PDB file of N, CA and C in Angstrom:
ATOM      1  N   MET A   1       2.464  26.134 158.717  1.00  0.00           N
ATOM      2  CA  MET A   1       1.471  26.185 158.836  1.00  0.00           C
ATOM      3  C   MET A   1       0.616  24.524 160.221  1.00  0.00           C
ATOM      4  N   THR A   2      -0.074  25.446 160.963  1.00  0.00           N
ATOM      5  CA  THR A   2      -0.727  24.446 162.554  1.00  0.00           C
ATOM      6  C   THR A   2      -0.996  23.025 161.643  1.00  0.00           C
ATOM      7  N   THR A   3      -0.668  22.207 162.504  1.00  0.00           N
ATOM      8  CA  THR A   3      -1.402  20.905 162.468  1.00  0.00           C
ATOM      9  C   THR A   3      -2.232  20.844 162.993  1.00  0.00           C
ATOM     10  N   ARG A   4      -3.463  19.093 163.251  1.00  0.00           N
ATOM     11  CA  ARG A   4      -4.102  19.522 163.609  1.00  0.00           C
ATOM     12  C   ARG A   4      -4.217  19.186 165.318  1.00  0.00           C
ATOM     13  N   ARG A   5      -2.925  19.108 165.536  1.00  0.00           N
ATOM     14  CA  ARG A   5      -2.470  18.605 167.553  1.00  0.00           C
ATOM     15  C   ARG A   5      -1.692  19.949 167.507  1.00  0.00           C
ATOM     16  N   GLU A   6      -1.564  20.830 166.902  1.00  0.00           N
ATOM     17  CA  GLU A   6      -0.991  22.320 167.188  1.00  0.00           C
ATOM     18  C   GLU A   6      -2.118  23.056 167.270  1.00  0.00           C
ATOM     19  N   MET A   7      -3.505  22.994 167.010  1.00  0.00           N
ATOM     20  CA  MET A   7      -4.649  23.883 166.881  1.00  0.00           C
ATOM     21  C   MET A   7      -5.234  23.873 168.329  1.00  0.00           C
ATOM     22  N   PRO A   8      -4.786  25.264 168.559  1.00  0.00           N
ATOM     23  CA  PRO A   8      -5.854  25.499 169.333  1.00  0.00           C
ATOM     24  C   PRO A   8      -7.147  25.399 169.710  1.00  0.00           C
ATOM     25  N   ARG A   9      -7.404  24.781 171.393  1.00  0.00           N
ATOM     26  CA  ARG A   9      -8.929  23.685 171.363  1.00  0.00           C
ATOM     27  C   ARG A   9      -9.184  23.672 172.601  1.00  0.00           C
ATOM     28  N   MET A  10     -10.878  24.603 172.552  1.00  0.00           N
ATOM     29  CA  MET A  10     -11.065  24.623 174.383  1.00  0.00           C
ATOM     30  C   MET A  10     -12.826  24.174 174.462  1.00  0.00           C
ATOM     31  N   LEU A  11     -13.032  23.697 175.893  1.00  0.00           N
ATOM     32  CA  LEU A  11     -14.358  23.702 175.671  1.00  0.00           C
ATOM     33  C   LEU A  11     -14.536  24.349 176.721  1.00  0.00           C
ATOM     34  N   ARG A  12     -15.674  25.180 176.672  1.00  0.00           N
ATOM     35  CA  ARG A  12     -16.919  25.992 177.880  1.00  0.00           C
ATOM     36  C   ARG A  12     -17.841  25.911 178.352  1.00  0.00           C
ATOM     37  N   VAL A  13     -18.059  26.082 179.540  1.00  0.00           N
ATOM     38  CA  VAL A  13     -19.142  24.847 180.038  1.00  0.00           C
ATOM     39  C   VAL A  13     -19.829  26.234 180.609  1.00  0.00           C
ATOM     40  N   THR A  14     -21.000  26.652 180.225  1.00  0.00           N
ATOM     41  CA  THR A  14     -21.894  27.667 181.189  1.00  0.00           C
ATOM     42  C   THR A  14     -22.411  27.326 182.794  1.00  0.00           C
ATOM     43  N   PHE A  15     -22.595  27.377 183.412  1.00  0.00           N
ATOM     44  CA  PHE A  15     -23.637  27.742 184.838  1.00  0.00           C
ATOM     45  C   PHE A  15     -24.071  28.985 184.670  1.00  0.00           C
ATOM     46  N   GLU A  16     -25.480  29.076 184.920  1.00  0.00           N
ATOM     47  CA  GLU A  16     -26.395  30.061 185.504  1.00  0.00           C
ATOM     48  C   GLU A  16     -26.924  30.246 186.113  1.00  0.00           C
ATOM     49  N   PHE A  17     -27.384  30.418 187.841  1.00  0.00           N
ATOM     50  CA  PHE A  17     -27.854  30.824 188.492  1.00  0.00           C
ATOM     51  C   PHE A  17     -28.249  31.619 188.570  1.00  0.00           C
ATOM     52  N   THR A  18     -29.829  31.340 188.343  1.00  0.00           N
ATOM     53  CA  THR A  18     -31.612  32.271 189.037  1.00  0.00           C
ATOM     54  C   THR A  18     -31.353  32.576 190.251  1.00  0.00           C
ATOM     55  N   ILE A  19     -31.736  33.438 191.169  1.00  0.00           N
ATOM     56  CA  ILE A  19     -32.413  33.508 192.937  1.00  0.00           C
ATOM     57  C   ILE A  19     -33.080  33.972 192.334  1.00  0.00           C
ATOM     58  N   PRO A  20     -34.660  33.316 192.782  1.00  0.00           N
ATOM     59  CA  PRO A  20     -35.898  33.332 192.798  1.00  0.00           C
ATOM     60  C   PRO A  20     -36.479  34.963 193.373  1.00  0.00           C
ATOM     61  N   PRO A  21     -37.225  35.240 192.453  1.00  0.00           N
ATOM     62  CA  PRO A  21     -37.607  36.770 192.280  1.00  0.00           C
ATOM     63  C   PRO A  21     -38.698  36.776 193.411  1.00  0.00           C
ATOM     64  N   GLY A  22     -38.543  37.357 194.944  1.00  0.00           N
ATOM     65  CA  GLY A  22     -39.454  37.657 196.316  1.00  0.00           C
ATOM     66  C   GLY A  22     -38.083  37.102 197.633  1.00  0.00           C
ATOM     67  N   THR A  23     -37.333  36.634 197.110  1.00  0.00           N
ATOM     68  CA  THR A  23     -35.957  35.613 197.847  1.00  0.00           C
ATOM     69  C   THR A  23     -36.206  36.360 199.366  1.00  0.00           C
ATOM     70  N   PRO A  24     -36.327  36.267 199.552  1.00  0.00           N
ATOM     71  CA  PRO A  24     -36.429  37.241 201.292  1.00  0.00           C
ATOM     72  C   PRO A  24     -35.101  38.736 201.976  1.00  0.00           C
ATOM     73  N   THR A  25     -34.402  37.324 201.525  1.00  0.00           N
ATOM     74  CA  THR A  25     -32.967  37.391 201.671  1.00  0.00           C
ATOM     75  C   THR A  25     -32.166  37.803 200.140  1.00  0.00           C
ATOM     76  N   ASN A  26     -31.084  38.618 200.593  1.00  0.00           N
ATOM     77  CA  ASN A  26     -29.874  38.309 199.540  1.00  0.00           C
ATOM     78  C   ASN A  26     -28.986  36.455 199.876  1.00  0.00           C
ATOM     79  N   VAL A  27     -28.136  36.243 199.123  1.00  0.00           N
ATOM     80  CA  VAL A  27     -27.224  35.296 199.301  1.00  0.00           C
ATOM     81  C   VAL A  27     -26.047  36.039 199.939  1.00  0.00           C
ATOM     82  N   ARG A  28     -25.584  35.360 201.094  1.00  0.00           N
ATOM     83  CA  ARG A  28     -24.434  36.344 201.632  1.00  0.00           C
ATOM     84  C   ARG A  28     -23.121  35.829 201.051  1.00  0.00           C
ATOM     85  N   THR A  29     -22.242  37.071 200.699  1.00  0.00           N
ATOM     86  CA  THR A  29     -21.099  36.641 200.157  1.00  0.00           C
ATOM     87  C   THR A  29     -20.459  35.068 200.898  1.00  0.00           C
ATOM     88  N   ASP A  30     -20.071  35.094 201.060  1.00  0.00           N
ATOM     89  CA  ASP A  30     -19.525  34.189 201.893  1.00  0.00           C
ATOM     90  C   ASP A  30     -19.800  32.842 201.250  1.00  0.00           C
ATOM     91  N   LYS A  31     -21.587  32.793 201.499  1.00  0.00           N
ATOM     92  CA  LYS A  31     -22.259  31.287 201.368  1.00  0.00           C
ATOM     93  C   LYS A  31     -21.640  31.330 199.247  1.00  0.00           C
ATOM     94  N   ARG A  32     -21.710  32.291 198.282  1.00  0.00           N
ATOM     95  CA  ARG A  32     -21.226  32.183 197.589  1.00  0.00           C
ATOM     96  C   ARG A  32     -20.132  31.551 196.719  1.00  0.00           C
ATOM     97  N   THR A  33     -19.323  32.162 197.769  1.00  0.00           N
ATOM     98  CA  THR A  33     -17.943  31.573 197.611  1.00  0.00           C
ATOM     99  C   THR A  33     -17.229  30.801 197.363  1.00  0.00           C
ATOM    100  N   ALA A  34     -18.372  29.953 199.143  1.00  0.00           N
ATOM    101  CA  ALA A  34     -17.830  28.886 199.436  1.00  0.00           C
ATOM    102  C   ALA A  34     -18.927  27.871 198.202  1.00  0.00           C
ATOM    103  N   ALA A  35     -19.895  27.965 197.493  1.00  0.00           N
ATOM    104  CA  ALA A  35     -20.945  27.535 196.644  1.00  0.00           C
ATOM    105  C   ALA A  35     -19.567  27.250 195.344  1.00  0.00           C
ATOM    106  N   VAL A  36     -19.088  28.642 195.332  1.00  0.00           N
ATOM    107  CA  VAL A  36     -18.744  28.283 193.891  1.00  0.00           C
ATOM    108  C   VAL A  36     -17.044  27.524 194.394  1.00  0.00           C
ATOM    109  N   ASP A  37     -16.382  28.495 194.639  1.00  0.00           N
ATOM    110  CA  ASP A  37     -15.068  26.551 195.515  1.00  0.00           C
ATOM    111  C   ASP A  37     -15.859  25.118 195.590  1.00  0.00           C
ATOM    112  N   ALA A  38     -17.031  25.093 195.753  1.00  0.00           N
ATOM    113  CA  ALA A  38     -17.685  23.781 195.717  1.00  0.00           C
ATOM    114  C   ALA A  38     -17.719  23.709 194.562  1.00  0.00           C
ATOM    115  N   MET A  39     -18.040  24.038 193.557  1.00  0.00           N
ATOM    116  CA  MET A  39     -17.864  23.283 192.137  1.00  0.00           C
ATOM    117  C   MET A  39     -16.921  23.838 191.504  1.00  0.00           C
ATOM    118  N   ARG A  40     -16.149  24.561 192.016  1.00  0.00           N
ATOM    119  CA  ARG A  40     -14.432  24.542 191.280  1.00  0.00           C
ATOM    120  C   ARG A  40     -13.813  22.942 191.374  1.00  0.00           C
ATOM    121  N   ALA A  41     -13.917  22.609 192.686  1.00  0.00           N
ATOM    122  CA  ALA A  41     -13.067  21.455 193.064  1.00  0.00           C
ATOM    123  C   ALA A  41     -13.911  20.827 192.526  1.00  0.00           C
ATOM    124  N   ALA A  42     -14.906  20.047 192.323  1.00  0.00           N
ATOM    125  CA  ALA A  42     -15.655  19.438 191.972  1.00  0.00           C
ATOM    126  C   ALA A  42     -15.412  19.185 190.536  1.00  0.00           C
ATOM    127  N   VAL A  43     -15.498  20.931 189.389  1.00  0.00           N
ATOM    128  CA  VAL A  43     -15.606  20.313 187.949  1.00  0.00           C
ATOM    129  C   VAL A  43     -13.744  19.927 187.643  1.00  0.00           C
ATOM    130  N   ALA A  44     -13.024  20.396 188.601  1.00  0.00           N
ATOM    131  CA  ALA A  44     -12.193  20.433 188.432  1.00  0.00           C
ATOM    132  C   ALA A  44     -11.310  18.341 188.448  1.00  0.00           C
ATOM    133  N   ALA A  45     -12.074  18.062 189.881  1.00  0.00           N
ATOM    134  CA  ALA A  45     -11.684  16.388 189.973  1.00  0.00           C
ATOM    135  C   ALA A  45     -12.307  15.484 188.422  1.00  0.00           C
ATOM    136  N   ILE A  46     -13.438  15.803 188.021  1.00  0.00           N
ATOM    137  CA  ILE A  46     -14.240  15.452 187.163  1.00  0.00           C
ATOM    138  C   ILE A  46     -12.820  15.455 185.349  1.00  0.00           C
ATOM    139  N   ALA A  47     -13.083  16.744 185.531  1.00  0.00           N
ATOM    140  CA  ALA A  47     -11.600  17.019 184.089  1.00  0.00           C
ATOM    141  C   ALA A  47     -10.494  16.650 184.583  1.00  0.00           C
ATOM    142  N   GLY A  48     -10.025  16.385 185.207  1.00  0.00           N
ATOM    143  CA  GLY A  48      -9.143  15.660 186.277  1.00  0.00           C
ATOM    144  C   GLY A  48      -8.881  14.254 184.832  1.00  0.00           C
ATOM    145  N   ARG A  49     -10.018  13.424 185.374  1.00  0.00           N
ATOM    146  CA  ARG A  49     -10.125  12.079 185.464  1.00  0.00           C
ATOM    147  C   ARG A  49     -10.512  12.393 183.797  1.00  0.00           C
ATOM    148  N   ALA A  50     -11.600  13.307 182.541  1.00  0.00           N
ATOM    149  CA  ALA A  50     -11.568  12.663 181.449  1.00  0.00           C
ATOM    150  C   ALA A  50     -11.097  13.857 181.012  1.00  0.00           C
ATOM    151  N   LEU A  51     -10.325  14.736 180.821  1.00  0.00           N
ATOM    152  CA  LEU A  51      -9.069  15.438 180.294  1.00  0.00           C
ATOM    153  C   LEU A  51      -7.977  15.250 180.258  1.00  0.00           C
ATOM    154  N   PRO A  52      -7.149  15.071 179.157  1.00  0.00           N
ATOM    155  CA  PRO A  52      -5.225  15.187 178.795  1.00  0.00           C
ATOM    156  C   PRO A  52      -5.102  15.851 179.730  1.00  0.00           C
ATOM    157  N   PRO A  53      -3.821  15.835 181.602  1.00  0.00           N
ATOM    158  CA  PRO A  53      -3.213  16.274 182.117  1.00  0.00           C
ATOM    159  C   PRO A  53      -2.215  16.878 181.731  1.00  0.00           C
ATOM    160  N   GLU A  54      -2.322  17.847 180.805  1.00  0.00           N
ATOM    161  CA  GLU A  54      -1.884  19.398 180.513  1.00  0.00           C
ATOM    162  C   GLU A  54      -3.233  20.333 180.629  1.00  0.00           C
ATOM    163  N   THR A  55      -4.364  19.819 180.150  1.00  0.00           N
ATOM    164  CA  THR A  55      -5.859  20.836 180.243  1.00  0.00           C
ATOM    165  C   THR A  55      -5.205  21.766 181.555  1.00  0.00           C
ATOM    166  N   SER A  56      -5.550  23.263 181.662  1.00  0.00           N
ATOM    167  CA  SER A  56      -5.826  24.262 182.380  1.00  0.00           C
ATOM    168  C   SER A  56      -6.942  24.319 182.633  1.00  0.00           C
ATOM    169  N   LEU A  57      -7.344  24.815 183.948  1.00  0.00           N
ATOM    170  CA  LEU A  57      -9.276  25.457 183.920  1.00  0.00           C
ATOM    171  C   LEU A  57      -8.968  26.685 184.466  1.00  0.00           C
ATOM    172  N   THR A  58     -10.017  27.620 184.074  1.00  0.00           N
ATOM    173  CA  THR A  58     -10.058  28.469 184.901  1.00  0.00           C
ATOM    174  C   THR A  58     -11.295  28.832 184.856  1.00  0.00           C
ATOM    175  N   VAL A  59     -11.732  29.897 186.368  1.00  0.00           N
ATOM    176  CA  VAL A  59     -13.170  30.072 186.869  1.00  0.00           C
ATOM    177  C   VAL A  59     -13.390  30.910 186.682  1.00  0.00           C
ATOM    178  N   ARG A  60     -14.271  32.258 186.503  1.00  0.00           N
ATOM    179  CA  ARG A  60     -15.079  33.203 186.552  1.00  0.00           C
ATOM    180  C   ARG A  60     -16.378  32.773 186.902  1.00  0.00           C
ATOM    181  N   ASP A  61     -16.311  33.836 188.558  1.00  0.00           N
ATOM    182  CA  ASP A  61     -17.431  34.001 188.765  1.00  0.00           C
ATOM    183  C   ASP A  61     -17.649  35.424 189.303  1.00  0.00           C
ATOM    184  N   GLU A  62     -19.204  35.570 188.911  1.00  0.00           N
ATOM    185  CA  GLU A  62     -19.488  36.940 188.889  1.00  0.00           C
ATOM    186  C   GLU A  62     -21.290  36.651 189.509  1.00  0.00           C
ATOM    187  N   TRP A  63     -21.585  38.088 190.390  1.00  0.00           N
ATOM    188  CA  TRP A  63     -22.559  38.419 191.145  1.00  0.00           C
ATOM    189  C   TRP A  63     -23.160  39.324 191.080  1.00  0.00           C
ATOM    190  N   ALA A  64     -24.002  38.934 189.858  1.00  0.00           N
ATOM    191  CA  ALA A  64     -25.004  40.226 189.370  1.00  0.00           C
ATOM    192  C   ALA A  64     -26.182  40.928 189.816  1.00  0.00           C
ATOM    193  N   TYR A  65     -26.831  41.902 189.548  1.00  0.00           N
ATOM    194  CA  TYR A  65     -28.311  41.969 189.387  1.00  0.00           C
ATOM    195  C   TYR A  65     -28.782  42.239 188.033  1.00  0.00           C
ATOM    196  N   ALA A  66     -29.479  41.427 187.479  1.00  0.00           N
ATOM    197  CA  ALA A  66     -30.108  41.998 186.229  1.00  0.00           C
ATOM    198  C   ALA A  66     -31.061  42.364 186.412  1.00  0.00           C
ATOM    199  N   LEU A  67     -30.708  43.768 185.989  1.00  0.00           N
ATOM    200  CA  LEU A  67     -32.096  44.569 186.385  1.00  0.00           C
ATOM    201  C   LEU A  67     -32.701  44.795 184.901  1.00  0.00           C
ATOM    202  N   HIS A  68     -31.760  44.117 183.725  1.00  0.00           N
ATOM    203  CA  HIS A  68     -32.147  44.495 182.091  1.00  0.00           C
ATOM    204  C   HIS A  68     -32.048  43.582 181.793  1.00  0.00           C
ATOM    205  N   ASP A  69     -32.406  42.674 181.570  1.00  0.00           N
ATOM    206  CA  ASP A  69     -31.946  41.628 180.870  1.00  0.00           C
ATOM    207  C   ASP A  69     -32.726  41.118 179.684  1.00  0.00           C
ATOM    208  N   ARG A  70     -32.515  40.333 178.639  1.00  0.00           N
ATOM    209  CA  ARG A  70     -33.243  40.702 177.510  1.00  0.00           C
ATOM    210  C   ARG A  70     -33.116  39.296 176.513  1.00  0.00           C
ATOM    211  N   THR A  71     -32.603  38.858 177.547  1.00  0.00           N
ATOM    212  CA  THR A  71     -32.291  37.712 177.041  1.00  0.00           C
ATOM    213  C   THR A  71     -33.546  36.197 176.492  1.00  0.00           C
ATOM    214  N   THR A  72     -33.112  35.897 175.241  1.00  0.00           N
ATOM    215  CA  THR A  72     -34.250  35.573 174.780  1.00  0.00           C
ATOM    216  C   THR A  72     -34.582  33.889 174.644  1.00  0.00           C
ATOM    217  N   GLY A  73     -35.889  33.024 174.613  1.00  0.00           N
ATOM    218  CA  GLY A  73     -35.766  32.338 174.754  1.00  0.00           C
ATOM    219  C   GLY A  73     -35.318  31.051 173.797  1.00  0.00           C
ATOM    220  N   PRO A  74     -35.228  29.742 174.078  1.00  0.00           N
ATOM    221  CA  PRO A  74     -33.956  29.022 172.350  1.00  0.00           C
ATOM    222  C   PRO A  74     -34.686  29.220 171.535  1.00  0.00           C
ATOM    223  N   VAL A  75     -33.951  29.818 170.261  1.00  0.00           N
ATOM    224  CA  VAL A  75     -34.573  29.724 169.030  1.00  0.00           C
ATOM    225  C   VAL A  75     -34.613  28.355 168.002  1.00  0.00           C
ATOM    226  N   THR A  76     -35.126  28.082 167.509  1.00  0.00           N
ATOM    227  CA  THR A  76     -34.693  26.822 166.555  1.00  0.00           C
ATOM    228  C   THR A  76     -34.926  27.111 164.984  1.00  0.00           C
ATOM    229  N   LEU A  77     -33.692  27.130 164.703  1.00  0.00           N
ATOM    230  CA  LEU A  77     -33.245  28.017 163.300  1.00  0.00           C
ATOM    231  C   LEU A  77     -33.596  26.305 162.209  1.00  0.00           C
ATOM    232  N   GLY A  78     -34.500  26.696 161.352  1.00  0.00           N
ATOM    233  CA  GLY A  78     -34.692  25.691 160.379  1.00  0.00           C
ATOM    234  C   GLY A  78     -33.594  26.265 158.826  1.00  0.00           C
ATOM    235  N   PRO A  79     -35.106  25.893 157.750  1.00  0.00           N
ATOM    236  CA  PRO A  79     -34.626  26.197 156.629  1.00  0.00           C
ATOM    237  C   PRO A  79     -35.173  27.166 156.384  1.00  0.00           C
ATOM    238  N   PRO A  80     -35.443  28.488 155.427  1.00  0.00           N
ATOM    239  CA  PRO A  80     -36.698  29.374 155.342  1.00  0.00           C
ATOM    240  C   PRO A  80     -37.833  29.139 154.736  1.00  0.00           C
ATOM    241  N   THR A  81     -38.920  29.849 155.800  1.00  0.00           N
ATOM    242  CA  THR A  81     -39.864  29.824 154.923  1.00  0.00           C
ATOM    243  C   THR A  81     -40.316  29.768 153.520  1.00  0.00           C
ATOM    244  N   ASP A  82     -41.292  29.819 153.146  1.00  0.00           N
ATOM    245  CA  ASP A  82     -41.587  29.794 151.954  1.00  0.00           C
ATOM    246  C   ASP A  82     -42.606  31.095 152.787  1.00  0.00           C
ATOM    247  N   PRO A  83     -42.010  32.809 152.041  1.00  0.00           N
ATOM    248  CA  PRO A  83     -43.659  33.370 152.574  1.00  0.00           C
ATOM    249  C   PRO A  83     -44.580  33.819 151.437  1.00  0.00           C
ATOM    250  N   ALA A  84     -44.761  32.813 150.348  1.00  0.00           N
ATOM    251  CA  ALA A  84     -46.176  32.881 149.954  1.00  0.00           C
ATOM    252  C   ALA A  84     -47.266  32.116 150.935  1.00  0.00           C
ATOM    253  N   THR A  85     -46.500  30.958 151.843  1.00  0.00           N
ATOM    254  CA  THR A  85     -47.318  30.400 153.669  1.00  0.00           C
ATOM    255  C   THR A  85     -47.586  30.649 154.187  1.00  0.00           C
TER     256      THR A  85
END
């Protein structure tokens, strides 16, 4: 049986940056990679102070063109509504 200390735990934090439509030029690769490297270093420094020393960090960065993105806004879930009202 797995004890609480042996149970796998993970903290996932996601940042998504959207380049505004109509921006006249694309973001150059060297600028993007420099931004990712700076964020990686900053997050590692903060995590190193706040989390146990054995904690590992994995960084995934992706550059994509969102030609078809059907992401919805937040949806507040609550108790079922009465269909009669």
